[in-house]
Amino acid sequence: MAPSITIPIDALTSRFNLSGRFDSVRSQSLASRFSNLKPVSEFFDFRRISKPANFGEAQGRVNYNLGYFSSNYAVVFVMFFIYSLITNLTLLFVIVLVVGGMWGIGKLEGNDLDVGFFRATTSQLYTGLVIIAVPLTIYSGPIGTMLWLIGASGVTILGHAAFLDKPIESAFSEEAV
C-alpha cells in the first residue's frame, strides 16, 4: 500500500492573506465598484514595471496592487468573460436560450401554454427546456471555458500585480509606520 501524501492547503494559502480581501466586494453596489477606476496611464505605467527581488517583495506588490487596482482588475475579468462568450457561441446561445425560456415560461404566470392544437403545462415547458439545454450545455464545454477564464485572468491579473512596483509615495508611508 502506497503512503498517502497530505498537502496542507491552509499552510500554503495563508501566506497570501486572502481571508478578508473580498468582503468589501460583496457590500458595494456596482456603480460604486467601478467609480474608483484608476486611469489607464497609471494602470499601464511601464516605468514602474520591474522584476521582484524575492517572493516577499512579490507578495507585497500583489497585496498592494490587488487593493489599489481592484476595479481595474474587475474590468479585465469582465473583458475576458465577454471574450470567452464571443468565442464560444454555443455557450452564449445556451445562456440566451435558458434565460429567454425561463423568462417566457415566467410570463405565463402558471397558466398553460395553448397554441391551437397543442397544450403544455409549465412543468412540461420546464422539462422541455431542460431536455434541450442540458445536452447543448455539455456540447458547448462550459468547464473548459471557465477554466480558461480563471487561468487567463489569474495569470494576467497576478502577473500585472506582481511586476508593477508600488509607487514611491507608498514606500515612504510604510517606512514611517
N, C-alpha and C. Protein backbone atom coordinates (compact mmCIF):
# COMPACT_ATOMS: atom_id res chain seq x y z
N MET A 1 0.84 -1.18 0.00
CA MET A 1 0.00 0.00 0.00
C MET A 1 0.88 1.24 0.00
N ALA A 2 0.58 2.16 -0.90
CA ALA A 2 1.38 3.37 -1.04
C ALA A 2 1.05 4.34 0.10
N PRO A 3 2.07 5.04 0.61
CA PRO A 3 1.81 6.00 1.68
C PRO A 3 1.02 7.19 1.12
N SER A 4 0.07 7.66 1.92
CA SER A 4 -0.73 8.80 1.47
C SER A 4 0.02 10.10 1.75
N ILE A 5 -0.14 11.01 0.83
CA ILE A 5 0.51 12.31 0.95
C ILE A 5 -0.58 13.34 1.20
N THR A 6 -0.44 14.08 2.29
CA THR A 6 -1.40 15.13 2.58
C THR A 6 -0.73 16.48 2.35
N ILE A 7 -1.44 17.34 1.66
CA ILE A 7 -0.92 18.67 1.37
C ILE A 7 -1.65 19.67 2.26
N PRO A 8 -0.92 20.40 3.07
CA PRO A 8 -1.57 21.39 3.95
C PRO A 8 -1.96 22.64 3.16
N ILE A 9 -3.14 22.62 2.60
CA ILE A 9 -3.60 23.74 1.76
C ILE A 9 -3.66 25.03 2.57
N ASP A 10 -4.10 24.95 3.82
CA ASP A 10 -4.20 26.15 4.64
C ASP A 10 -2.83 26.78 4.86
N ALA A 11 -1.81 25.96 5.05
CA ALA A 11 -0.47 26.48 5.26
C ALA A 11 0.05 27.17 4.00
N LEU A 12 -0.33 26.66 2.83
CA LEU A 12 0.11 27.26 1.58
C LEU A 12 -0.64 28.55 1.27
N THR A 13 -1.94 28.56 1.51
CA THR A 13 -2.74 29.73 1.15
C THR A 13 -2.73 30.82 2.21
N SER A 14 -2.35 30.51 3.43
CA SER A 14 -2.36 31.53 4.48
C SER A 14 -1.30 32.60 4.22
N ARG A 15 -0.27 32.30 3.45
CA ARG A 15 0.77 33.29 3.15
C ARG A 15 0.26 34.41 2.26
N PHE A 16 -0.83 34.16 1.50
CA PHE A 16 -1.34 35.18 0.60
C PHE A 16 -2.28 36.15 1.28
N ASN A 17 -2.68 35.89 2.51
CA ASN A 17 -3.51 36.80 3.30
C ASN A 17 -4.79 37.18 2.55
N LEU A 18 -5.55 36.19 2.11
CA LEU A 18 -6.76 36.42 1.34
C LEU A 18 -8.02 36.32 2.19
N SER A 19 -7.90 36.21 3.50
CA SER A 19 -9.05 35.93 4.35
C SER A 19 -10.15 36.98 4.24
N GLY A 20 -9.85 38.25 4.32
CA GLY A 20 -10.88 39.27 4.28
C GLY A 20 -10.81 40.16 3.06
N ARG A 21 -10.06 39.76 2.06
CA ARG A 21 -9.82 40.61 0.90
C ARG A 21 -11.09 40.89 0.10
N PHE A 22 -12.00 39.93 -0.01
CA PHE A 22 -13.16 40.09 -0.87
C PHE A 22 -14.43 40.45 -0.11
N ASP A 23 -14.34 40.77 1.17
CA ASP A 23 -15.52 41.14 1.94
C ASP A 23 -16.13 42.45 1.47
N SER A 24 -15.29 43.43 1.08
CA SER A 24 -15.81 44.72 0.64
C SER A 24 -16.47 44.62 -0.72
N VAL A 25 -16.10 43.62 -1.53
CA VAL A 25 -16.69 43.48 -2.86
C VAL A 25 -18.17 43.13 -2.74
N ARG A 26 -18.52 42.30 -1.79
CA ARG A 26 -19.91 41.88 -1.62
C ARG A 26 -20.79 43.02 -1.14
N SER A 27 -20.25 43.96 -0.37
CA SER A 27 -21.08 45.01 0.22
C SER A 27 -21.22 46.24 -0.66
N GLN A 28 -20.47 46.34 -1.77
CA GLN A 28 -20.52 47.52 -2.62
C GLN A 28 -21.53 47.35 -3.74
N SER A 29 -22.14 48.46 -4.17
CA SER A 29 -23.00 48.41 -5.34
C SER A 29 -22.12 48.44 -6.59
N LEU A 30 -22.74 48.11 -7.73
CA LEU A 30 -21.97 48.03 -8.97
C LEU A 30 -21.46 49.41 -9.39
N ALA A 31 -22.25 50.44 -9.19
CA ALA A 31 -21.84 51.80 -9.57
C ALA A 31 -20.67 52.27 -8.72
N SER A 32 -20.72 52.02 -7.43
CA SER A 32 -19.60 52.46 -6.58
C SER A 32 -18.38 51.59 -6.80
N ARG A 33 -18.58 50.35 -7.26
CA ARG A 33 -17.45 49.45 -7.52
C ARG A 33 -16.59 49.98 -8.65
N PHE A 34 -17.23 50.51 -9.69
CA PHE A 34 -16.48 50.99 -10.84
C PHE A 34 -16.24 52.50 -10.82
N SER A 35 -16.63 53.17 -9.75
CA SER A 35 -16.40 54.61 -9.66
C SER A 35 -14.94 54.93 -9.32
N ASN A 36 -14.22 53.99 -8.74
CA ASN A 36 -12.83 54.25 -8.38
C ASN A 36 -11.85 53.57 -9.33
N LEU A 37 -12.18 53.58 -10.63
CA LEU A 37 -11.24 53.07 -11.63
C LEU A 37 -10.03 54.00 -11.69
N LYS A 38 -8.87 53.42 -11.75
CA LYS A 38 -7.65 54.21 -11.89
C LYS A 38 -7.44 54.52 -13.37
N PRO A 39 -6.78 55.62 -13.70
CA PRO A 39 -6.55 55.96 -15.10
C PRO A 39 -5.71 54.90 -15.81
N VAL A 40 -5.94 54.79 -17.12
CA VAL A 40 -5.22 53.80 -17.92
C VAL A 40 -3.72 54.09 -17.90
N SER A 41 -3.34 55.37 -17.89
CA SER A 41 -1.91 55.72 -17.86
C SER A 41 -1.25 55.24 -16.57
N GLU A 42 -1.99 55.22 -15.48
CA GLU A 42 -1.44 54.72 -14.22
C GLU A 42 -1.44 53.19 -14.18
N PHE A 43 -2.47 52.58 -14.78
CA PHE A 43 -2.57 51.12 -14.80
C PHE A 43 -1.49 50.51 -15.69
N PHE A 44 -1.15 51.18 -16.79
CA PHE A 44 -0.12 50.70 -17.71
C PHE A 44 1.14 51.57 -17.63
N ASP A 45 1.59 51.89 -16.42
CA ASP A 45 2.79 52.70 -16.22
C ASP A 45 4.01 51.80 -16.40
N PHE A 46 4.59 51.81 -17.60
CA PHE A 46 5.70 50.91 -17.92
C PHE A 46 6.99 51.26 -17.17
N ARG A 47 7.10 52.47 -16.65
CA ARG A 47 8.30 52.85 -15.89
C ARG A 47 8.36 52.13 -14.55
N ARG A 48 7.20 51.69 -14.04
CA ARG A 48 7.17 51.03 -12.72
C ARG A 48 7.24 49.51 -12.82
N ILE A 49 7.38 48.97 -14.01
CA ILE A 49 7.44 47.51 -14.16
C ILE A 49 8.86 47.05 -13.91
N SER A 50 9.00 46.11 -12.98
CA SER A 50 10.31 45.53 -12.68
C SER A 50 10.11 44.15 -12.07
N LYS A 51 11.16 43.37 -12.15
CA LYS A 51 11.11 42.02 -11.59
C LYS A 51 11.29 42.12 -10.08
N PRO A 52 10.41 41.46 -9.31
CA PRO A 52 10.59 41.49 -7.86
C PRO A 52 11.85 40.72 -7.46
N ALA A 53 12.51 41.18 -6.42
CA ALA A 53 13.77 40.58 -5.99
C ALA A 53 13.55 39.21 -5.35
N ASN A 54 12.47 39.03 -4.63
CA ASN A 54 12.20 37.76 -3.96
C ASN A 54 10.70 37.58 -3.81
N PHE A 55 10.31 36.45 -3.22
CA PHE A 55 8.88 36.15 -3.08
C PHE A 55 8.20 37.13 -2.13
N GLY A 56 8.88 37.59 -1.11
CA GLY A 56 8.29 38.54 -0.16
C GLY A 56 7.95 39.86 -0.82
N GLU A 57 8.84 40.33 -1.69
CA GLU A 57 8.56 41.58 -2.41
C GLU A 57 7.41 41.38 -3.39
N ALA A 58 7.38 40.24 -4.06
CA ALA A 58 6.28 39.96 -4.99
C ALA A 58 4.95 39.88 -4.23
N GLN A 59 4.97 39.27 -3.07
CA GLN A 59 3.75 39.16 -2.26
C GLN A 59 3.29 40.55 -1.80
N GLY A 60 4.21 41.39 -1.41
CA GLY A 60 3.85 42.75 -1.02
C GLY A 60 3.27 43.55 -2.17
N ARG A 61 3.86 43.40 -3.35
CA ARG A 61 3.33 44.09 -4.52
C ARG A 61 1.92 43.60 -4.86
N VAL A 62 1.73 42.28 -4.81
CA VAL A 62 0.41 41.71 -5.13
C VAL A 62 -0.62 42.21 -4.12
N ASN A 63 -0.29 42.19 -2.84
CA ASN A 63 -1.23 42.67 -1.82
C ASN A 63 -1.60 44.13 -2.04
N TYR A 64 -0.61 44.96 -2.35
CA TYR A 64 -0.88 46.38 -2.57
C TYR A 64 -1.70 46.59 -3.85
N ASN A 65 -1.24 46.00 -4.96
CA ASN A 65 -1.89 46.26 -6.25
C ASN A 65 -3.28 45.66 -6.35
N LEU A 66 -3.54 44.53 -5.69
CA LEU A 66 -4.89 43.96 -5.72
C LEU A 66 -5.88 44.89 -5.05
N GLY A 67 -5.47 45.55 -4.00
CA GLY A 67 -6.35 46.51 -3.35
C GLY A 67 -6.46 47.82 -4.11
N TYR A 68 -5.34 48.28 -4.65
CA TYR A 68 -5.31 49.59 -5.32
C TYR A 68 -6.01 49.56 -6.68
N PHE A 69 -5.76 48.51 -7.46
CA PHE A 69 -6.32 48.41 -8.81
C PHE A 69 -7.49 47.42 -8.87
N SER A 70 -8.21 47.21 -7.79
CA SER A 70 -9.25 46.19 -7.77
C SER A 70 -10.34 46.43 -8.81
N SER A 71 -10.74 47.67 -9.02
CA SER A 71 -11.75 47.95 -10.03
C SER A 71 -11.22 47.72 -11.44
N ASN A 72 -9.97 48.07 -11.67
CA ASN A 72 -9.37 47.82 -12.98
C ASN A 72 -9.27 46.32 -13.25
N TYR A 73 -8.94 45.54 -12.22
CA TYR A 73 -8.86 44.09 -12.39
C TYR A 73 -10.25 43.50 -12.63
N ALA A 74 -11.28 44.09 -12.03
CA ALA A 74 -12.65 43.63 -12.30
C ALA A 74 -13.01 43.88 -13.76
N VAL A 75 -12.59 45.01 -14.31
CA VAL A 75 -12.84 45.31 -15.72
C VAL A 75 -12.09 44.32 -16.61
N VAL A 76 -10.86 43.98 -16.26
CA VAL A 76 -10.10 42.99 -17.03
C VAL A 76 -10.82 41.65 -17.01
N PHE A 77 -11.33 41.24 -15.85
CA PHE A 77 -12.06 39.98 -15.75
C PHE A 77 -13.32 40.01 -16.60
N VAL A 78 -14.06 41.12 -16.57
CA VAL A 78 -15.29 41.23 -17.38
C VAL A 78 -14.95 41.19 -18.86
N MET A 79 -13.85 41.82 -19.27
CA MET A 79 -13.45 41.78 -20.68
C MET A 79 -13.09 40.35 -21.10
N PHE A 80 -12.38 39.62 -20.26
CA PHE A 80 -12.09 38.21 -20.56
C PHE A 80 -13.37 37.39 -20.61
N PHE A 81 -14.34 37.67 -19.73
CA PHE A 81 -15.60 36.96 -19.73
C PHE A 81 -16.37 37.19 -21.03
N ILE A 82 -16.45 38.44 -21.47
CA ILE A 82 -17.13 38.76 -22.73
C ILE A 82 -16.42 38.09 -23.90
N TYR A 83 -15.10 38.13 -23.89
CA TYR A 83 -14.33 37.47 -24.96
C TYR A 83 -14.59 35.97 -24.99
N SER A 84 -14.67 35.35 -23.81
CA SER A 84 -14.91 33.90 -23.77
C SER A 84 -16.29 33.55 -24.28
N LEU A 85 -17.28 34.41 -24.04
CA LEU A 85 -18.62 34.15 -24.57
C LEU A 85 -18.69 34.38 -26.08
N ILE A 86 -17.97 35.39 -26.58
CA ILE A 86 -17.97 35.66 -28.02
C ILE A 86 -17.27 34.52 -28.78
N THR A 87 -16.23 33.97 -28.20
CA THR A 87 -15.51 32.90 -28.89
C THR A 87 -16.17 31.54 -28.71
N ASN A 88 -17.09 31.40 -27.78
CA ASN A 88 -17.84 30.15 -27.60
C ASN A 88 -19.32 30.47 -27.83
N LEU A 89 -19.70 30.56 -29.11
CA LEU A 89 -21.06 30.98 -29.46
C LEU A 89 -22.10 29.96 -29.02
N THR A 90 -21.74 28.69 -28.94
CA THR A 90 -22.71 27.69 -28.48
C THR A 90 -23.08 27.94 -27.03
N LEU A 91 -22.10 28.24 -26.20
CA LEU A 91 -22.38 28.54 -24.80
C LEU A 91 -23.21 29.81 -24.68
N LEU A 92 -22.91 30.82 -25.48
CA LEU A 92 -23.70 32.04 -25.48
C LEU A 92 -25.14 31.74 -25.89
N PHE A 93 -25.33 30.90 -26.90
CA PHE A 93 -26.67 30.51 -27.33
C PHE A 93 -27.42 29.79 -26.22
N VAL A 94 -26.74 28.89 -25.51
CA VAL A 94 -27.39 28.15 -24.42
C VAL A 94 -27.81 29.10 -23.30
N ILE A 95 -26.95 30.04 -22.96
CA ILE A 95 -27.29 31.00 -21.90
C ILE A 95 -28.50 31.83 -22.31
N VAL A 96 -28.51 32.32 -23.55
CA VAL A 96 -29.65 33.11 -24.03
C VAL A 96 -30.90 32.25 -24.09
N LEU A 97 -30.77 30.99 -24.52
CA LEU A 97 -31.91 30.09 -24.60
C LEU A 97 -32.52 29.83 -23.22
N VAL A 98 -31.68 29.54 -22.23
CA VAL A 98 -32.19 29.24 -20.89
C VAL A 98 -32.81 30.47 -20.25
N VAL A 99 -32.12 31.61 -20.35
CA VAL A 99 -32.66 32.83 -19.75
C VAL A 99 -33.96 33.24 -20.45
N GLY A 100 -33.96 33.19 -21.78
CA GLY A 100 -35.17 33.53 -22.52
C GLY A 100 -36.30 32.55 -22.27
N GLY A 101 -35.98 31.26 -22.19
CA GLY A 101 -37.00 30.25 -21.92
C GLY A 101 -37.61 30.41 -20.55
N MET A 102 -36.79 30.67 -19.55
CA MET A 102 -37.31 30.85 -18.20
C MET A 102 -38.12 32.15 -18.10
N TRP A 103 -37.69 33.18 -18.81
CA TRP A 103 -38.45 34.43 -18.83
C TRP A 103 -39.81 34.20 -19.49
N GLY A 104 -39.80 33.50 -20.63
CA GLY A 104 -41.05 33.23 -21.34
C GLY A 104 -42.01 32.37 -20.53
N ILE A 105 -41.49 31.35 -19.87
CA ILE A 105 -42.35 30.49 -19.04
C ILE A 105 -42.86 31.28 -17.84
N GLY A 106 -42.04 32.16 -17.30
CA GLY A 106 -42.47 33.00 -16.19
C GLY A 106 -43.56 33.98 -16.59
N LYS A 107 -43.54 34.44 -17.84
CA LYS A 107 -44.58 35.36 -18.32
C LYS A 107 -45.95 34.69 -18.39
N LEU A 108 -45.98 33.34 -18.42
CA LEU A 108 -47.26 32.63 -18.43
C LEU A 108 -47.97 32.70 -17.08
N GLU A 109 -47.23 33.03 -16.02
CA GLU A 109 -47.75 33.16 -14.65
C GLU A 109 -48.50 31.92 -14.19
N GLY A 110 -47.96 30.74 -14.50
CA GLY A 110 -48.55 29.48 -14.05
C GLY A 110 -49.63 28.93 -14.95
N ASN A 111 -50.04 29.67 -15.94
CA ASN A 111 -51.06 29.19 -16.87
C ASN A 111 -50.44 28.26 -17.90
N ASP A 112 -51.25 27.44 -18.52
CA ASP A 112 -50.78 26.53 -19.56
C ASP A 112 -50.56 27.31 -20.85
N LEU A 113 -49.62 26.81 -21.66
CA LEU A 113 -49.39 27.37 -22.99
C LEU A 113 -50.34 26.67 -23.95
N ASP A 114 -51.19 27.44 -24.59
CA ASP A 114 -52.18 26.88 -25.50
C ASP A 114 -51.95 27.46 -26.89
N VAL A 115 -51.43 26.62 -27.79
CA VAL A 115 -51.15 27.04 -29.15
C VAL A 115 -52.02 26.19 -30.08
N GLY A 116 -53.24 26.62 -30.30
CA GLY A 116 -54.16 25.91 -31.20
C GLY A 116 -54.40 24.47 -30.80
N PHE A 117 -53.75 23.55 -31.45
CA PHE A 117 -53.93 22.12 -31.21
C PHE A 117 -53.02 21.58 -30.11
N PHE A 118 -52.11 22.40 -29.58
CA PHE A 118 -51.12 21.93 -28.61
C PHE A 118 -51.32 22.66 -27.29
N ARG A 119 -51.26 21.90 -26.19
CA ARG A 119 -51.40 22.47 -24.85
C ARG A 119 -50.28 21.89 -23.98
N ALA A 120 -49.55 22.77 -23.29
CA ALA A 120 -48.45 22.32 -22.43
C ALA A 120 -48.52 23.05 -21.10
N THR A 121 -48.28 22.31 -20.02
CA THR A 121 -48.24 22.91 -18.69
C THR A 121 -46.86 23.53 -18.46
N THR A 122 -46.75 24.35 -17.42
CA THR A 122 -45.45 24.95 -17.13
C THR A 122 -44.43 23.88 -16.76
N SER A 123 -44.86 22.82 -16.11
CA SER A 123 -43.95 21.73 -15.78
C SER A 123 -43.42 21.07 -17.04
N GLN A 124 -44.26 20.87 -18.03
CA GLN A 124 -43.82 20.29 -19.30
C GLN A 124 -42.87 21.24 -20.03
N LEU A 125 -43.13 22.53 -19.95
CA LEU A 125 -42.26 23.51 -20.61
C LEU A 125 -40.87 23.53 -19.96
N TYR A 126 -40.84 23.52 -18.62
CA TYR A 126 -39.55 23.47 -17.93
C TYR A 126 -38.80 22.18 -18.25
N THR A 127 -39.52 21.05 -18.32
CA THR A 127 -38.89 19.78 -18.65
C THR A 127 -38.33 19.81 -20.07
N GLY A 128 -39.09 20.37 -20.99
CA GLY A 128 -38.60 20.51 -22.36
C GLY A 128 -37.38 21.40 -22.45
N LEU A 129 -37.37 22.47 -21.67
CA LEU A 129 -36.21 23.37 -21.66
C LEU A 129 -34.98 22.65 -21.13
N VAL A 130 -35.16 21.84 -20.09
CA VAL A 130 -34.03 21.08 -19.53
C VAL A 130 -33.54 20.04 -20.53
N ILE A 131 -34.47 19.36 -21.20
CA ILE A 131 -34.08 18.32 -22.17
C ILE A 131 -33.29 18.92 -23.33
N ILE A 132 -33.60 20.13 -23.71
CA ILE A 132 -32.86 20.79 -24.79
C ILE A 132 -31.57 21.41 -24.28
N ALA A 133 -31.60 22.05 -23.10
CA ALA A 133 -30.47 22.83 -22.62
C ALA A 133 -29.32 21.97 -22.10
N VAL A 134 -29.60 20.86 -21.44
CA VAL A 134 -28.53 20.06 -20.84
C VAL A 134 -27.58 19.48 -21.90
N PRO A 135 -28.08 18.82 -22.96
CA PRO A 135 -27.12 18.33 -23.96
C PRO A 135 -26.37 19.45 -24.68
N LEU A 136 -27.06 20.56 -24.94
CA LEU A 136 -26.37 21.68 -25.57
C LEU A 136 -25.30 22.27 -24.64
N THR A 137 -25.59 22.29 -23.35
CA THR A 137 -24.60 22.79 -22.39
C THR A 137 -23.38 21.88 -22.34
N ILE A 138 -23.62 20.59 -22.32
CA ILE A 138 -22.49 19.64 -22.32
C ILE A 138 -21.67 19.79 -23.59
N TYR A 139 -22.35 19.97 -24.73
CA TYR A 139 -21.67 20.12 -26.01
C TYR A 139 -20.85 21.41 -26.07
N SER A 140 -21.35 22.47 -25.43
CA SER A 140 -20.68 23.76 -25.53
C SER A 140 -19.40 23.86 -24.70
N GLY A 141 -19.19 22.95 -23.77
CA GLY A 141 -17.95 22.93 -23.00
C GLY A 141 -17.79 24.07 -22.02
N PRO A 142 -18.72 24.25 -21.08
CA PRO A 142 -18.59 25.37 -20.15
C PRO A 142 -17.44 25.21 -19.16
N ILE A 143 -17.08 23.97 -18.85
CA ILE A 143 -15.99 23.77 -17.88
C ILE A 143 -14.67 24.24 -18.47
N GLY A 144 -14.42 23.91 -19.73
CA GLY A 144 -13.20 24.40 -20.38
C GLY A 144 -13.17 25.90 -20.49
N THR A 145 -14.31 26.50 -20.77
CA THR A 145 -14.39 27.96 -20.85
C THR A 145 -14.14 28.60 -19.49
N MET A 146 -14.71 28.01 -18.43
CA MET A 146 -14.48 28.56 -17.09
C MET A 146 -13.01 28.40 -16.67
N LEU A 147 -12.42 27.25 -16.98
CA LEU A 147 -11.01 27.06 -16.63
C LEU A 147 -10.12 28.03 -17.40
N TRP A 148 -10.44 28.27 -18.68
CA TRP A 148 -9.67 29.24 -19.45
C TRP A 148 -9.83 30.63 -18.84
N LEU A 149 -11.07 30.98 -18.46
CA LEU A 149 -11.33 32.29 -17.88
C LEU A 149 -10.56 32.48 -16.58
N ILE A 150 -10.57 31.47 -15.73
CA ILE A 150 -9.84 31.56 -14.47
C ILE A 150 -8.34 31.65 -14.72
N GLY A 151 -7.83 30.82 -15.62
CA GLY A 151 -6.40 30.83 -15.90
C GLY A 151 -5.92 32.11 -16.55
N ALA A 152 -6.64 32.56 -17.58
CA ALA A 152 -6.22 33.76 -18.29
C ALA A 152 -6.29 34.99 -17.40
N SER A 153 -7.39 35.13 -16.67
CA SER A 153 -7.49 36.30 -15.80
C SER A 153 -6.53 36.21 -14.62
N GLY A 154 -6.33 35.00 -14.09
CA GLY A 154 -5.39 34.85 -12.98
C GLY A 154 -3.96 35.18 -13.37
N VAL A 155 -3.52 34.66 -14.51
CA VAL A 155 -2.16 34.94 -14.97
C VAL A 155 -1.99 36.43 -15.28
N THR A 156 -2.97 37.00 -15.94
CA THR A 156 -2.87 38.42 -16.31
C THR A 156 -2.90 39.32 -15.08
N ILE A 157 -3.86 39.10 -14.20
CA ILE A 157 -4.01 39.98 -13.04
C ILE A 157 -2.87 39.79 -12.05
N LEU A 158 -2.56 38.54 -11.71
CA LEU A 158 -1.46 38.33 -10.76
C LEU A 158 -0.11 38.71 -11.37
N GLY A 159 0.06 38.51 -12.67
CA GLY A 159 1.30 38.95 -13.32
C GLY A 159 1.44 40.45 -13.27
N HIS A 160 0.37 41.18 -13.58
CA HIS A 160 0.42 42.64 -13.50
C HIS A 160 0.69 43.09 -12.07
N ALA A 161 0.00 42.47 -11.12
CA ALA A 161 0.16 42.88 -9.72
C ALA A 161 1.55 42.58 -9.19
N ALA A 162 2.16 41.49 -9.64
CA ALA A 162 3.49 41.13 -9.13
C ALA A 162 4.60 41.96 -9.77
N PHE A 163 4.45 42.33 -11.03
CA PHE A 163 5.54 43.04 -11.72
C PHE A 163 5.42 44.55 -11.65
N LEU A 164 4.27 45.10 -11.28
CA LEU A 164 4.12 46.55 -11.18
C LEU A 164 4.55 46.98 -9.78
N ASP A 165 5.61 47.75 -9.72
CA ASP A 165 6.16 48.20 -8.44
C ASP A 165 5.22 49.20 -7.78
N LYS A 166 5.29 49.26 -6.45
CA LYS A 166 4.49 50.23 -5.70
C LYS A 166 4.99 51.63 -6.02
N PRO A 167 4.10 52.63 -5.93
CA PRO A 167 4.58 54.00 -6.14
C PRO A 167 5.50 54.43 -5.00
N ILE A 168 6.32 55.40 -5.28
CA ILE A 168 7.30 55.89 -4.31
C ILE A 168 6.61 56.38 -3.04
N GLU A 169 5.45 57.04 -3.20
CA GLU A 169 4.74 57.59 -2.04
C GLU A 169 4.36 56.51 -1.05
N SER A 170 3.95 55.33 -1.54
CA SER A 170 3.54 54.26 -0.64
C SER A 170 4.74 53.67 0.09
N ALA A 171 5.91 53.67 -0.54
CA ALA A 171 7.10 53.15 0.12
C ALA A 171 7.49 54.03 1.31
N PHE A 172 7.36 55.36 1.16
CA PHE A 172 7.69 56.26 2.25
C PHE A 172 6.66 56.19 3.36
N SER A 173 5.39 56.00 3.01
CA SER A 173 4.35 55.94 4.04
C SER A 173 4.47 54.67 4.87
N GLU A 174 4.95 53.58 4.27
CA GLU A 174 5.13 52.32 5.02
C GLU A 174 6.31 52.42 5.97
N GLU A 175 7.37 53.14 5.59
CA GLU A 175 8.55 53.24 6.45
C GLU A 175 8.27 54.11 7.67
N ALA A 176 7.36 55.07 7.56
CA ALA A 176 7.08 55.96 8.69
C ALA A 176 6.32 55.27 9.78
N VAL A 177 5.68 54.17 9.49
CA VAL A 177 4.85 53.50 10.49
C VAL A 177 5.65 52.68 11.39
